[in-house]
Amino acid sequence: MERLFVFADFNWLGKAELVGELCYEKLHGSESYAFKFDENWLKVHAGSLATLLQIPAREIDMFNVNYTQNKKCSSFEKLNH
């Protein structure tokens, strides 16, 4: 499993900030991807993210879970629970 820390450097941020982690895993010829937002980043920037995505701010909680292409990236999910 490979992990990549994802940083944002948007013009509305004062400096680059950790947004989350991206995971990649290849098992038996099948590729799996997962992304998890950093909980602190979501807390601080929930309003800005909601505006960018044009969704109500109350729906930002749905990003507090891992989004996976398929469920084979289980090692990554265990690290983040």
C-alpha atoms as a PDB file:
ATOM      1  CA  MET A   1       0.000   0.000   0.000  1.00  0.00           C
ATOM      2  CA  GLU A   2       1.243   3.452  -0.860  1.00  0.00           C
ATOM      3  CA  ARG A   3       0.119   6.620   0.927  1.00  0.00           C
ATOM      4  CA  LEU A   4       0.375  10.166  -0.263  1.00  0.00           C
ATOM      5  CA  PHE A   5      -0.301  13.208   1.893  1.00  0.00           C
ATOM      6  CA  VAL A   6      -2.332  15.783  -0.043  1.00  0.00           C
ATOM      7  CA  PHE A   7      -1.716  19.483   0.599  1.00  0.00           C
ATOM      8  CA  ALA A   8      -3.675  22.488  -0.674  1.00  0.00           C
ATOM      9  CA  ASP A   9      -2.143  25.817  -1.544  1.00  0.00           C
ATOM     10  CA  PHE A  10      -5.221  27.774  -2.635  1.00  0.00           C
ATOM     11  CA  ASN A  11      -4.995  31.540  -2.957  1.00  0.00           C
ATOM     12  CA  TRP A  12      -7.468  31.922  -0.064  1.00  0.00           C
ATOM     13  CA  LEU A  13      -5.208  29.970   2.311  1.00  0.00           C
ATOM     14  CA  GLY A  14      -2.400  31.747   4.123  1.00  0.00           C
ATOM     15  CA  LYS A  15      -0.032  28.827   3.506  1.00  0.00           C
ATOM     16  CA  ALA A  16      -0.091  25.243   2.240  1.00  0.00           C
ATOM     17  CA  GLU A  17      -2.161  22.980   4.499  1.00  0.00           C
ATOM     18  CA  LEU A  18      -2.663  19.233   4.808  1.00  0.00           C
ATOM     19  CA  VAL A  19      -6.034  18.336   3.264  1.00  0.00           C
ATOM     20  CA  GLY A  20      -5.940  14.558   3.648  1.00  0.00           C
ATOM     21  CA  GLU A  21      -4.394  11.244   2.601  1.00  0.00           C
ATOM     22  CA  LEU A  22      -4.602   9.355  -0.664  1.00  0.00           C
ATOM     23  CA  CYS A  23      -4.022   5.593  -0.686  1.00  0.00           C
ATOM     24  CA  TYR A  24      -3.184   3.332  -3.608  1.00  0.00           C
ATOM     25  CA  GLU A  25      -2.999  -0.436  -3.514  1.00  0.00           C
ATOM     26  CA  LYS A  26      -2.701  -3.052  -6.248  1.00  0.00           C
ATOM     27  CA  LEU A  27      -3.719  -6.593  -5.353  1.00  0.00           C
ATOM     28  CA  HIS A  28      -4.084  -9.469  -7.785  1.00  0.00           C
ATOM     29  CA  GLY A  29      -4.159  -7.059 -10.744  1.00  0.00           C
ATOM     30  CA  SER A  30      -6.916  -4.907  -9.256  1.00  0.00           C
ATOM     31  CA  GLU A  31      -6.233  -1.292  -8.279  1.00  0.00           C
ATOM     32  CA  SER A  32      -7.811   0.326  -5.227  1.00  0.00           C
ATOM     33  CA  TYR A  33      -7.868   3.984  -4.241  1.00  0.00           C
ATOM     34  CA  ALA A  34      -9.039   5.712  -1.083  1.00  0.00           C
ATOM     35  CA  PHE A  35      -9.053   9.309   0.133  1.00  0.00           C
ATOM     36  CA  LYS A  36      -9.714  10.627   3.616  1.00  0.00           C
ATOM     37  CA  PHE A  37      -9.968  14.313   4.452  1.00  0.00           C
ATOM     38  CA  ASP A  38      -7.968  15.532   7.425  1.00  0.00           C
ATOM     39  CA  GLU A  39     -10.543  16.091  10.193  1.00  0.00           C
ATOM     40  CA  ASN A  40      -8.928  19.343  11.371  1.00  0.00           C
ATOM     41  CA  TRP A  41      -8.856  20.755   7.837  1.00  0.00           C
ATOM     42  CA  LEU A  42     -12.553  19.975   7.401  1.00  0.00           C
ATOM     43  CA  LYS A  43     -13.428  21.630  10.722  1.00  0.00           C
ATOM     44  CA  VAL A  44     -11.588  24.831   9.824  1.00  0.00           C
ATOM     45  CA  HIS A  45     -12.587  25.040   6.152  1.00  0.00           C
ATOM     46  CA  ALA A  46     -16.037  23.433   6.050  1.00  0.00           C
ATOM     47  CA  GLY A  47     -17.718  26.694   5.042  1.00  0.00           C
ATOM     48  CA  SER A  48     -15.249  27.406   2.241  1.00  0.00           C
ATOM     49  CA  LEU A  49     -15.502  23.841   0.935  1.00  0.00           C
ATOM     50  CA  ALA A  50     -19.301  24.004   0.961  1.00  0.00           C
ATOM     51  CA  THR A  51     -19.181  27.262  -1.018  1.00  0.00           C
ATOM     52  CA  LEU A  52     -16.754  25.798  -3.574  1.00  0.00           C
ATOM     53  CA  LEU A  53     -18.907  22.684  -4.012  1.00  0.00           C
ATOM     54  CA  GLN A  54     -22.147  24.696  -3.894  1.00  0.00           C
ATOM     55  CA  ILE A  55     -23.678  22.502  -1.210  1.00  0.00           C
ATOM     56  CA  PRO A  56     -25.168  23.377   2.202  1.00  0.00           C
ATOM     57  CA  ALA A  57     -22.512  23.527   4.944  1.00  0.00           C
ATOM     58  CA  ARG A  58     -24.424  20.921   6.993  1.00  0.00           C
ATOM     59  CA  GLU A  59     -23.636  18.345   4.270  1.00  0.00           C
ATOM     60  CA  ILE A  60     -19.861  18.648   4.792  1.00  0.00           C
ATOM     61  CA  ASP A  61     -20.050  15.844   7.387  1.00  0.00           C
ATOM     62  CA  MET A  62     -20.436  13.388   4.520  1.00  0.00           C
ATOM     63  CA  PHE A  63     -16.751  14.022   3.711  1.00  0.00           C
ATOM     64  CA  ASN A  64     -15.730  12.694   7.113  1.00  0.00           C
ATOM     65  CA  VAL A  65     -15.580   9.145   5.716  1.00  0.00           C
ATOM     66  CA  ASN A  66     -13.219   7.340   3.355  1.00  0.00           C
ATOM     67  CA  TYR A  67     -14.196   7.467  -0.283  1.00  0.00           C
ATOM     68  CA  THR A  68     -12.985   4.353  -2.051  1.00  0.00           C
ATOM     69  CA  GLN A  69     -13.155   3.096  -5.598  1.00  0.00           C
ATOM     70  CA  ASN A  70     -13.620  -0.353  -4.098  1.00  0.00           C
ATOM     71  CA  LYS A  71     -13.197  -1.919  -0.677  1.00  0.00           C
ATOM     72  CA  LYS A  72      -9.785  -3.560  -1.229  1.00  0.00           C
ATOM     73  CA  CYS A  73      -7.948  -0.657   0.376  1.00  0.00           C
ATOM     74  CA  SER A  74      -8.776  -2.045   3.813  1.00  0.00           C
ATOM     75  CA  SER A  75      -5.343  -1.373   5.325  1.00  0.00           C
ATOM     76  CA  PHE A  76      -5.841   2.341   4.733  1.00  0.00           C
ATOM     77  CA  GLU A  77      -9.318   2.289   6.233  1.00  0.00           C
ATOM     78  CA  LYS A  78      -8.041   0.560   9.384  1.00  0.00           C
ATOM     79  CA  LEU A  79      -5.321   3.211   9.800  1.00  0.00           C
ATOM     80  CA  ASN A  80      -7.937   5.957   9.843  1.00  0.00           C
ATOM     81  CA  HIS A  81     -10.517   4.461  12.205  1.00  0.00           C
END
